[in-house]
Amino acid sequence: MTDRIALPTSLKRTVLSQALCAARDLPLVGVAGVAAVLSASIAASIPTDVALAPDAEKVLLAETLSTVIAVYAAVMAAIYGSFRYTIDRRVGVVAQRATVQPRGWALVGRIPFTALGGAAVGMAALLGARLALVPAFALLGLHARDVAATIVVAAAASLWGLGVGLLVQAHLPALFVAPISLSLAVMLAPVWPTFCEWLPLPTFLRAGGLDLSVLGLADGGVDQSLAVLIASVWLVGVVVVGAGSFLRRDLR
């Protein structure tokens, strides 16, 4: 009877502690704010004469911009995912919680809140971009599909950042490794477009149905259904490897 009660109790305590942290998540506020400003600056850089263009051209440009905003949202979400864990580790929160609850359950509880934080970063990026586009575009090109795709990509990128943070452990290095490891495909796309479309970020974006031609990655051997599978493998792989490292090592 004790064993049957222990698991739900541990999970309940974990979720409660993570919810309390989420209520005062200053890293999320900071990263979401930066994401909103960055995406707004990108949208605001569009020439003002676009307002005079036909609606069809505006929609096409807005859809292209959706992929760019999703990339920025993913990079910022990856930073949040790694930062949120490594800052807790650096200040001793992770080690402290390990003394009162199984560390496996602590990690299980962290995963959904990390994904929710990443989704919030994605929404902030979308909001910043759309506010900047209102004068020229109004609501043209604002499709529920692209909005949902950006939010899901950002949530996945945040979990990627968490996995990297679990592996790297050190706070400052993780802040660089997480976004660079995710955005590497964008940097290498002009040189190796066929190879890069199999990397994490392009598969996340293609799984969401976003157009990758703006990144120099036209439709190739990875269609949307295959991208969903590959993106899942990447995401599960980095979280599982990171979790294995977290469960095995000593916490200080």
C-alpha atoms as a PDB file:
ATOM      1  CA  MET A   1       0.000   0.000   0.000  1.00  0.00           C
ATOM      2  CA  THR A   2       2.843   2.393   0.821  1.00  0.00           C
ATOM      3  CA  ASP A   3       4.453   1.858  -2.599  1.00  0.00           C
ATOM      4  CA  ARG A   4       1.163   2.553  -4.346  1.00  0.00           C
ATOM      5  CA  ILE A   5       0.767   5.878  -2.568  1.00  0.00           C
ATOM      6  CA  ALA A   6       4.406   6.998  -2.787  1.00  0.00           C
ATOM      7  CA  LEU A   7       4.547   7.557  -6.552  1.00  0.00           C
ATOM      8  CA  PRO A   8       1.481   9.822  -6.828  1.00  0.00           C
ATOM      9  CA  THR A   9       2.586  11.714  -3.719  1.00  0.00           C
ATOM     10  CA  SER A  10       6.057  12.293  -5.164  1.00  0.00           C
ATOM     11  CA  LEU A  11       4.542  13.445  -8.430  1.00  0.00           C
ATOM     12  CA  LYS A  12       2.142  15.752  -6.627  1.00  0.00           C
ATOM     13  CA  ARG A  13       4.954  17.356  -4.646  1.00  0.00           C
ATOM     14  CA  THR A  14       7.043  17.751  -7.782  1.00  0.00           C
ATOM     15  CA  VAL A  15       4.256  19.396  -9.763  1.00  0.00           C
ATOM     16  CA  LEU A  16       3.465  21.707  -6.854  1.00  0.00           C
ATOM     17  CA  SER A  17       7.092  22.815  -6.484  1.00  0.00           C
ATOM     18  CA  GLN A  18       7.429  23.406 -10.216  1.00  0.00           C
ATOM     19  CA  ALA A  19       4.152  25.338 -10.300  1.00  0.00           C
ATOM     20  CA  LEU A  20       5.376  27.593  -7.495  1.00  0.00           C
ATOM     21  CA  CYS A  21       8.578  28.262  -9.446  1.00  0.00           C
ATOM     22  CA  ALA A  22       6.578  28.959 -12.611  1.00  0.00           C
ATOM     23  CA  ALA A  23       4.559  31.586 -10.776  1.00  0.00           C
ATOM     24  CA  ARG A  24       7.719  33.629 -10.204  1.00  0.00           C
ATOM     25  CA  ASP A  25       9.704  32.579 -13.258  1.00  0.00           C
ATOM     26  CA  LEU A  26      11.856  35.660 -13.862  1.00  0.00           C
ATOM     27  CA  PRO A  27      14.020  33.912 -16.510  1.00  0.00           C
ATOM     28  CA  LEU A  28      10.863  33.299 -18.536  1.00  0.00           C
ATOM     29  CA  VAL A  29       9.863  36.959 -18.286  1.00  0.00           C
ATOM     30  CA  GLY A  30      13.303  38.072 -19.402  1.00  0.00           C
ATOM     31  CA  VAL A  31      13.666  35.627 -22.304  1.00  0.00           C
ATOM     32  CA  ALA A  32      10.095  36.212 -23.509  1.00  0.00           C
ATOM     33  CA  GLY A  33      10.691  39.948 -23.434  1.00  0.00           C
ATOM     34  CA  VAL A  34      13.861  39.633 -25.502  1.00  0.00           C
ATOM     35  CA  ALA A  35      12.078  37.323 -27.965  1.00  0.00           C
ATOM     36  CA  ALA A  36       9.276  39.863 -28.399  1.00  0.00           C
ATOM     37  CA  VAL A  37      11.722  42.723 -28.990  1.00  0.00           C
ATOM     38  CA  LEU A  38      13.832  40.731 -31.467  1.00  0.00           C
ATOM     39  CA  SER A  39      10.860  39.565 -33.521  1.00  0.00           C
ATOM     40  CA  ALA A  40       9.370  43.078 -33.469  1.00  0.00           C
ATOM     41  CA  SER A  41      12.653  44.532 -34.748  1.00  0.00           C
ATOM     42  CA  ILE A  42      12.719  42.027 -37.594  1.00  0.00           C
ATOM     43  CA  ALA A  43       9.137  42.779 -38.572  1.00  0.00           C
ATOM     44  CA  ALA A  44       9.693  46.523 -38.276  1.00  0.00           C
ATOM     45  CA  SER A  45      12.626  46.316 -40.708  1.00  0.00           C
ATOM     46  CA  ILE A  46      10.249  45.568 -43.581  1.00  0.00           C
ATOM     47  CA  PRO A  47      10.042  48.612 -45.905  1.00  0.00           C
ATOM     48  CA  THR A  48       7.021  50.820 -45.318  1.00  0.00           C
ATOM     49  CA  ASP A  49       6.065  50.779 -48.998  1.00  0.00           C
ATOM     50  CA  VAL A  50       4.974  47.156 -48.533  1.00  0.00           C
ATOM     51  CA  ALA A  51       1.716  48.629 -47.227  1.00  0.00           C
ATOM     52  CA  LEU A  52       0.926  49.622 -50.824  1.00  0.00           C
ATOM     53  CA  ALA A  53       1.506  46.111 -52.208  1.00  0.00           C
ATOM     54  CA  PRO A  54      -1.392  43.847 -53.219  1.00  0.00           C
ATOM     55  CA  ASP A  55      -2.851  41.693 -50.459  1.00  0.00           C
ATOM     56  CA  ALA A  56      -1.620  38.487 -52.119  1.00  0.00           C
ATOM     57  CA  GLU A  57       1.985  39.697 -51.911  1.00  0.00           C
ATOM     58  CA  LYS A  58       1.518  40.732 -48.294  1.00  0.00           C
ATOM     59  CA  VAL A  59       0.220  37.292 -47.389  1.00  0.00           C
ATOM     60  CA  LEU A  60       3.186  35.622 -49.115  1.00  0.00           C
ATOM     61  CA  LEU A  61       5.656  37.875 -47.292  1.00  0.00           C
ATOM     62  CA  ALA A  62       3.910  37.318 -43.954  1.00  0.00           C
ATOM     63  CA  GLU A  63       4.088  33.550 -44.416  1.00  0.00           C
ATOM     64  CA  THR A  64       7.800  33.778 -45.187  1.00  0.00           C
ATOM     65  CA  LEU A  65       8.316  35.935 -42.134  1.00  0.00           C
ATOM     66  CA  SER A  66       6.491  33.316 -40.037  1.00  0.00           C
ATOM     67  CA  THR A  67       9.396  30.905 -40.552  1.00  0.00           C
ATOM     68  CA  VAL A  68      11.946  33.553 -39.563  1.00  0.00           C
ATOM     69  CA  ILE A  69      10.001  34.386 -36.394  1.00  0.00           C
ATOM     70  CA  ALA A  70       9.704  30.673 -35.581  1.00  0.00           C
ATOM     71  CA  VAL A  71      13.497  30.348 -35.856  1.00  0.00           C
ATOM     72  CA  TYR A  72      14.069  33.245 -33.477  1.00  0.00           C
ATOM     73  CA  ALA A  73      11.427  31.892 -31.105  1.00  0.00           C
ATOM     74  CA  ALA A  74      13.097  28.459 -31.138  1.00  0.00           C
ATOM     75  CA  VAL A  75      16.551  29.869 -30.423  1.00  0.00           C
ATOM     76  CA  MET A  76      15.273  31.973 -27.520  1.00  0.00           C
ATOM     77  CA  ALA A  77      13.227  29.048 -26.186  1.00  0.00           C
ATOM     78  CA  ALA A  78      16.322  26.819 -26.251  1.00  0.00           C
ATOM     79  CA  ILE A  79      18.143  29.438 -24.198  1.00  0.00           C
ATOM     80  CA  TYR A  80      15.245  29.484 -21.732  1.00  0.00           C
ATOM     81  CA  GLY A  81      15.170  25.681 -21.464  1.00  0.00           C
ATOM     82  CA  SER A  82      18.849  25.448 -20.604  1.00  0.00           C
ATOM     83  CA  PHE A  83      18.871  28.574 -18.434  1.00  0.00           C
ATOM     84  CA  ARG A  84      15.879  27.490 -16.372  1.00  0.00           C
ATOM     85  CA  TYR A  85      17.632  24.277 -15.312  1.00  0.00           C
ATOM     86  CA  THR A  86      21.216  25.484 -14.996  1.00  0.00           C
ATOM     87  CA  ILE A  87      20.293  28.489 -12.857  1.00  0.00           C
ATOM     88  CA  ASP A  88      18.450  26.164 -10.459  1.00  0.00           C
ATOM     89  CA  ARG A  89      21.496  23.926 -10.358  1.00  0.00           C
ATOM     90  CA  ARG A  90      23.908  26.802  -9.795  1.00  0.00           C
ATOM     91  CA  VAL A  91      21.984  28.249  -6.843  1.00  0.00           C
ATOM     92  CA  GLY A  92      21.479  24.809  -5.259  1.00  0.00           C
ATOM     93  CA  VAL A  93      17.751  24.387  -5.878  1.00  0.00           C
ATOM     94  CA  VAL A  94      18.203  21.078  -7.717  1.00  0.00           C
ATOM     95  CA  ALA A  95      20.391  19.571  -4.981  1.00  0.00           C
ATOM     96  CA  GLN A  96      18.029  20.811  -2.276  1.00  0.00           C
ATOM     97  CA  ARG A  97      14.994  19.236  -3.875  1.00  0.00           C
ATOM     98  CA  ALA A  98      16.844  15.966  -4.334  1.00  0.00           C
ATOM     99  CA  THR A  99      16.946  15.643  -0.537  1.00  0.00           C
ATOM    100  CA  VAL A 100      13.147  15.666  -0.217  1.00  0.00           C
ATOM    101  CA  GLN A 101      11.934  14.019  -3.432  1.00  0.00           C
ATOM    102  CA  PRO A 102      13.265  11.423  -5.888  1.00  0.00           C
ATOM    103  CA  ARG A 103      15.294  13.200  -8.537  1.00  0.00           C
ATOM    104  CA  GLY A 104      13.600  11.179 -11.285  1.00  0.00           C
ATOM    105  CA  TRP A 105      10.202  12.598 -10.344  1.00  0.00           C
ATOM    106  CA  ALA A 106      11.738  16.062 -10.032  1.00  0.00           C
ATOM    107  CA  LEU A 107      12.868  15.798 -13.643  1.00  0.00           C
ATOM    108  CA  VAL A 108       9.500  14.440 -14.799  1.00  0.00           C
ATOM    109  CA  GLY A 109       7.806  17.421 -13.205  1.00  0.00           C
ATOM    110  CA  ARG A 110      10.236  19.875 -14.799  1.00  0.00           C
ATOM    111  CA  ILE A 111       9.638  18.686 -18.368  1.00  0.00           C
ATOM    112  CA  PRO A 112       6.048  19.927 -18.913  1.00  0.00           C
ATOM    113  CA  PHE A 113       6.735  23.276 -17.245  1.00  0.00           C
ATOM    114  CA  THR A 114       9.804  23.734 -19.445  1.00  0.00           C
ATOM    115  CA  ALA A 115       7.695  23.043 -22.535  1.00  0.00           C
ATOM    116  CA  LEU A 116       5.030  25.501 -21.342  1.00  0.00           C
ATOM    117  CA  GLY A 117       7.706  28.130 -20.791  1.00  0.00           C
ATOM    118  CA  GLY A 118       9.011  27.571 -24.305  1.00  0.00           C
ATOM    119  CA  ALA A 119       5.487  27.915 -25.686  1.00  0.00           C
ATOM    120  CA  ALA A 120       5.175  31.232 -23.821  1.00  0.00           C
ATOM    121  CA  VAL A 121       8.411  32.419 -25.438  1.00  0.00           C
ATOM    122  CA  GLY A 122       6.978  31.468 -28.830  1.00  0.00           C
ATOM    123  CA  MET A 123       3.795  33.420 -28.139  1.00  0.00           C
ATOM    124  CA  ALA A 124       5.828  36.444 -27.067  1.00  0.00           C
ATOM    125  CA  ALA A 125       7.815  36.311 -30.314  1.00  0.00           C
ATOM    126  CA  LEU A 126       4.611  36.105 -32.336  1.00  0.00           C
ATOM    127  CA  LEU A 127       3.042  38.983 -30.432  1.00  0.00           C
ATOM    128  CA  GLY A 128       6.054  41.231 -30.948  1.00  0.00           C
ATOM    129  CA  ALA A 129       6.150  40.509 -34.677  1.00  0.00           C
ATOM    130  CA  ARG A 130       2.448  40.961 -35.260  1.00  0.00           C
ATOM    131  CA  LEU A 131       2.309  44.243 -33.366  1.00  0.00           C
ATOM    132  CA  ALA A 132       5.122  45.552 -35.557  1.00  0.00           C
ATOM    133  CA  LEU A 133       3.330  44.364 -38.701  1.00  0.00           C
ATOM    134  CA  VAL A 134      -0.065  45.885 -37.910  1.00  0.00           C
ATOM    135  CA  PRO A 135       0.515  49.212 -39.721  1.00  0.00           C
ATOM    136  CA  ALA A 136       1.392  47.519 -43.018  1.00  0.00           C
ATOM    137  CA  PHE A 137      -0.294  44.112 -42.813  1.00  0.00           C
ATOM    138  CA  ALA A 138      -3.187  44.408 -40.356  1.00  0.00           C
ATOM    139  CA  LEU A 139      -4.185  40.749 -39.896  1.00  0.00           C
ATOM    140  CA  LEU A 140      -3.160  39.590 -43.365  1.00  0.00           C
ATOM    141  CA  GLY A 141      -1.080  36.416 -43.296  1.00  0.00           C
ATOM    142  CA  LEU A 142      -1.989  35.613 -39.702  1.00  0.00           C
ATOM    143  CA  HIS A 143      -2.931  31.931 -39.943  1.00  0.00           C
ATOM    144  CA  ALA A 144      -3.800  29.686 -37.023  1.00  0.00           C
ATOM    145  CA  ARG A 145      -1.589  26.992 -38.571  1.00  0.00           C
ATOM    146  CA  ASP A 146       1.548  29.150 -38.461  1.00  0.00           C
ATOM    147  CA  VAL A 147       0.755  30.429 -34.968  1.00  0.00           C
ATOM    148  CA  ALA A 148       0.308  26.886 -33.656  1.00  0.00           C
ATOM    149  CA  ALA A 149       3.458  25.716 -35.461  1.00  0.00           C
ATOM    150  CA  THR A 150       5.584  28.486 -33.919  1.00  0.00           C
ATOM    151  CA  ILE A 151       4.308  27.724 -30.423  1.00  0.00           C
ATOM    152  CA  VAL A 152       4.916  23.988 -30.805  1.00  0.00           C
ATOM    153  CA  VAL A 153       8.394  24.554 -32.290  1.00  0.00           C
ATOM    154  CA  ALA A 154       9.280  26.848 -29.390  1.00  0.00           C
ATOM    155  CA  ALA A 155       8.037  24.293 -26.849  1.00  0.00           C
ATOM    156  CA  ALA A 156      10.135  21.573 -28.508  1.00  0.00           C
ATOM    157  CA  ALA A 157      13.165  23.885 -28.636  1.00  0.00           C
ATOM    158  CA  SER A 158      12.785  24.577 -24.921  1.00  0.00           C
ATOM    159  CA  LEU A 159      12.953  20.848 -24.207  1.00  0.00           C
ATOM    160  CA  TRP A 160      16.017  20.670 -26.436  1.00  0.00           C
ATOM    161  CA  GLY A 161      17.573  23.367 -24.271  1.00  0.00           C
ATOM    162  CA  LEU A 162      16.676  21.418 -21.138  1.00  0.00           C
ATOM    163  CA  GLY A 163      18.374  18.293 -22.503  1.00  0.00           C
ATOM    164  CA  VAL A 164      21.487  20.272 -23.380  1.00  0.00           C
ATOM    165  CA  GLY A 165      21.489  21.905 -19.948  1.00  0.00           C
ATOM    166  CA  LEU A 166      21.259  18.510 -18.271  1.00  0.00           C
ATOM    167  CA  LEU A 167      24.286  17.366 -20.251  1.00  0.00           C
ATOM    168  CA  VAL A 168      26.465  20.464 -20.079  1.00  0.00           C
ATOM    169  CA  GLN A 169      25.526  21.320 -16.458  1.00  0.00           C
ATOM    170  CA  ALA A 170      27.628  24.496 -16.359  1.00  0.00           C
ATOM    171  CA  HIS A 171      25.474  27.613 -16.550  1.00  0.00           C
ATOM    172  CA  LEU A 172      27.276  29.895 -19.004  1.00  0.00           C
ATOM    173  CA  PRO A 173      28.456  27.191 -21.453  1.00  0.00           C
ATOM    174  CA  ALA A 174      24.905  25.800 -21.656  1.00  0.00           C
ATOM    175  CA  LEU A 175      23.585  29.239 -22.640  1.00  0.00           C
ATOM    176  CA  PHE A 176      25.810  29.085 -25.737  1.00  0.00           C
ATOM    177  CA  VAL A 177      25.677  25.366 -26.528  1.00  0.00           C
ATOM    178  CA  ALA A 178      21.869  25.110 -26.455  1.00  0.00           C
ATOM    179  CA  PRO A 179      21.070  27.770 -29.091  1.00  0.00           C
ATOM    180  CA  ILE A 180      24.133  27.030 -31.234  1.00  0.00           C
ATOM    181  CA  SER A 181      23.440  23.294 -31.354  1.00  0.00           C
ATOM    182  CA  LEU A 182      19.875  24.054 -32.435  1.00  0.00           C
ATOM    183  CA  SER A 183      20.622  26.795 -34.969  1.00  0.00           C
ATOM    184  CA  LEU A 184      23.667  25.091 -36.497  1.00  0.00           C
ATOM    185  CA  ALA A 185      21.558  23.975 -39.442  1.00  0.00           C
ATOM    186  CA  VAL A 186      20.710  27.584 -40.323  1.00  0.00           C
ATOM    187  CA  MET A 187      24.417  28.478 -40.385  1.00  0.00           C
ATOM    188  CA  LEU A 188      25.368  25.481 -42.525  1.00  0.00           C
ATOM    189  CA  ALA A 189      22.340  25.516 -44.851  1.00  0.00           C
ATOM    190  CA  PRO A 190      24.040  27.483 -47.659  1.00  0.00           C
ATOM    191  CA  VAL A 191      26.859  24.923 -47.755  1.00  0.00           C
ATOM    192  CA  TRP A 192      25.133  21.590 -46.996  1.00  0.00           C
ATOM    193  CA  PRO A 193      21.382  22.039 -47.537  1.00  0.00           C
ATOM    194  CA  THR A 194      20.678  18.330 -48.051  1.00  0.00           C
ATOM    195  CA  PHE A 195      22.449  17.331 -44.851  1.00  0.00           C
ATOM    196  CA  CYS A 196      21.026  20.194 -42.797  1.00  0.00           C
ATOM    197  CA  GLU A 197      17.400  19.316 -43.457  1.00  0.00           C
ATOM    198  CA  TRP A 198      17.894  16.258 -41.201  1.00  0.00           C
ATOM    199  CA  LEU A 199      19.108  18.345 -38.257  1.00  0.00           C
ATOM    200  CA  PRO A 200      16.885  19.274 -35.276  1.00  0.00           C
ATOM    201  CA  LEU A 201      15.656  22.795 -36.078  1.00  0.00           C
ATOM    202  CA  PRO A 202      14.704  22.166 -39.732  1.00  0.00           C
ATOM    203  CA  THR A 203      12.848  19.000 -38.765  1.00  0.00           C
ATOM    204  CA  PHE A 204      11.023  20.892 -35.990  1.00  0.00           C
ATOM    205  CA  LEU A 205      10.013  23.595 -38.467  1.00  0.00           C
ATOM    206  CA  ARG A 206       9.026  21.209 -41.244  1.00  0.00           C
ATOM    207  CA  ALA A 207       7.058  19.062 -38.813  1.00  0.00           C
ATOM    208  CA  GLY A 208       5.013  22.192 -38.091  1.00  0.00           C
ATOM    209  CA  GLY A 209       4.375  22.747 -41.791  1.00  0.00           C
ATOM    210  CA  LEU A 210       6.476  25.920 -42.055  1.00  0.00           C
ATOM    211  CA  ASP A 211       8.161  26.931 -45.311  1.00  0.00           C
ATOM    212  CA  LEU A 212      11.938  26.390 -45.146  1.00  0.00           C
ATOM    213  CA  SER A 213      12.829  27.953 -48.495  1.00  0.00           C
ATOM    214  CA  VAL A 214      13.674  31.220 -46.748  1.00  0.00           C
ATOM    215  CA  LEU A 215      16.431  29.329 -44.904  1.00  0.00           C
ATOM    216  CA  GLY A 216      17.826  27.890 -48.128  1.00  0.00           C
ATOM    217  CA  LEU A 217      16.263  24.505 -47.382  1.00  0.00           C
ATOM    218  CA  ALA A 218      13.757  23.780 -50.125  1.00  0.00           C
ATOM    219  CA  ASP A 219      11.641  20.630 -49.982  1.00  0.00           C
ATOM    220  CA  GLY A 220      13.978  17.669 -50.336  1.00  0.00           C
ATOM    221  CA  GLY A 221      14.018  14.155 -48.991  1.00  0.00           C
ATOM    222  CA  VAL A 222      12.291  15.023 -45.707  1.00  0.00           C
ATOM    223  CA  ASP A 223       8.551  15.558 -45.987  1.00  0.00           C
ATOM    224  CA  GLN A 224       6.315  16.630 -43.113  1.00  0.00           C
ATOM    225  CA  SER A 225       5.427  13.152 -41.868  1.00  0.00           C
ATOM    226  CA  LEU A 226       9.071  12.052 -41.876  1.00  0.00           C
ATOM    227  CA  ALA A 227      10.049  15.331 -40.207  1.00  0.00           C
ATOM    228  CA  VAL A 228       7.654  14.594 -37.350  1.00  0.00           C
ATOM    229  CA  LEU A 229       9.373  11.242 -36.795  1.00  0.00           C
ATOM    230  CA  ILE A 230      12.906  12.646 -37.015  1.00  0.00           C
ATOM    231  CA  ALA A 231      12.078  15.620 -34.782  1.00  0.00           C
ATOM    232  CA  SER A 232      10.625  13.243 -32.192  1.00  0.00           C
ATOM    233  CA  VAL A 233      13.767  11.113 -32.279  1.00  0.00           C
ATOM    234  CA  TRP A 234      15.993  14.166 -31.836  1.00  0.00           C
ATOM    235  CA  LEU A 235      13.898  15.524 -28.983  1.00  0.00           C
ATOM    236  CA  VAL A 236      13.412  12.282 -27.099  1.00  0.00           C
ATOM    237  CA  GLY A 237      17.065  11.414 -27.638  1.00  0.00           C
ATOM    238  CA  VAL A 238      18.506  14.601 -26.143  1.00  0.00           C
ATOM    239  CA  VAL A 239      16.104  14.552 -23.180  1.00  0.00           C
ATOM    240  CA  VAL A 240      16.721  10.867 -22.445  1.00  0.00           C
ATOM    241  CA  VAL A 241      20.508  11.226 -22.675  1.00  0.00           C
ATOM    242  CA  GLY A 242      20.376  14.344 -20.528  1.00  0.00           C
ATOM    243  CA  ALA A 243      18.108  12.615 -18.020  1.00  0.00           C
ATOM    244  CA  GLY A 244      20.465   9.636 -17.848  1.00  0.00           C
ATOM    245  CA  SER A 245      23.354  11.960 -17.069  1.00  0.00           C
ATOM    246  CA  PHE A 246      21.276  13.786 -14.455  1.00  0.00           C
ATOM    247  CA  LEU A 247      20.214  10.581 -12.684  1.00  0.00           C
ATOM    248  CA  ARG A 248      23.729   9.105 -12.553  1.00  0.00           C
ATOM    249  CA  ARG A 249      25.934  11.962 -11.426  1.00  0.00           C
ATOM    250  CA  ASP A 250      26.395  13.551  -8.037  1.00  0.00           C
ATOM    251  CA  LEU A 251      24.613  16.818  -7.361  1.00  0.00           C
ATOM    252  CA  ARG A 252      26.536  19.675  -5.784  1.00  0.00           C
END
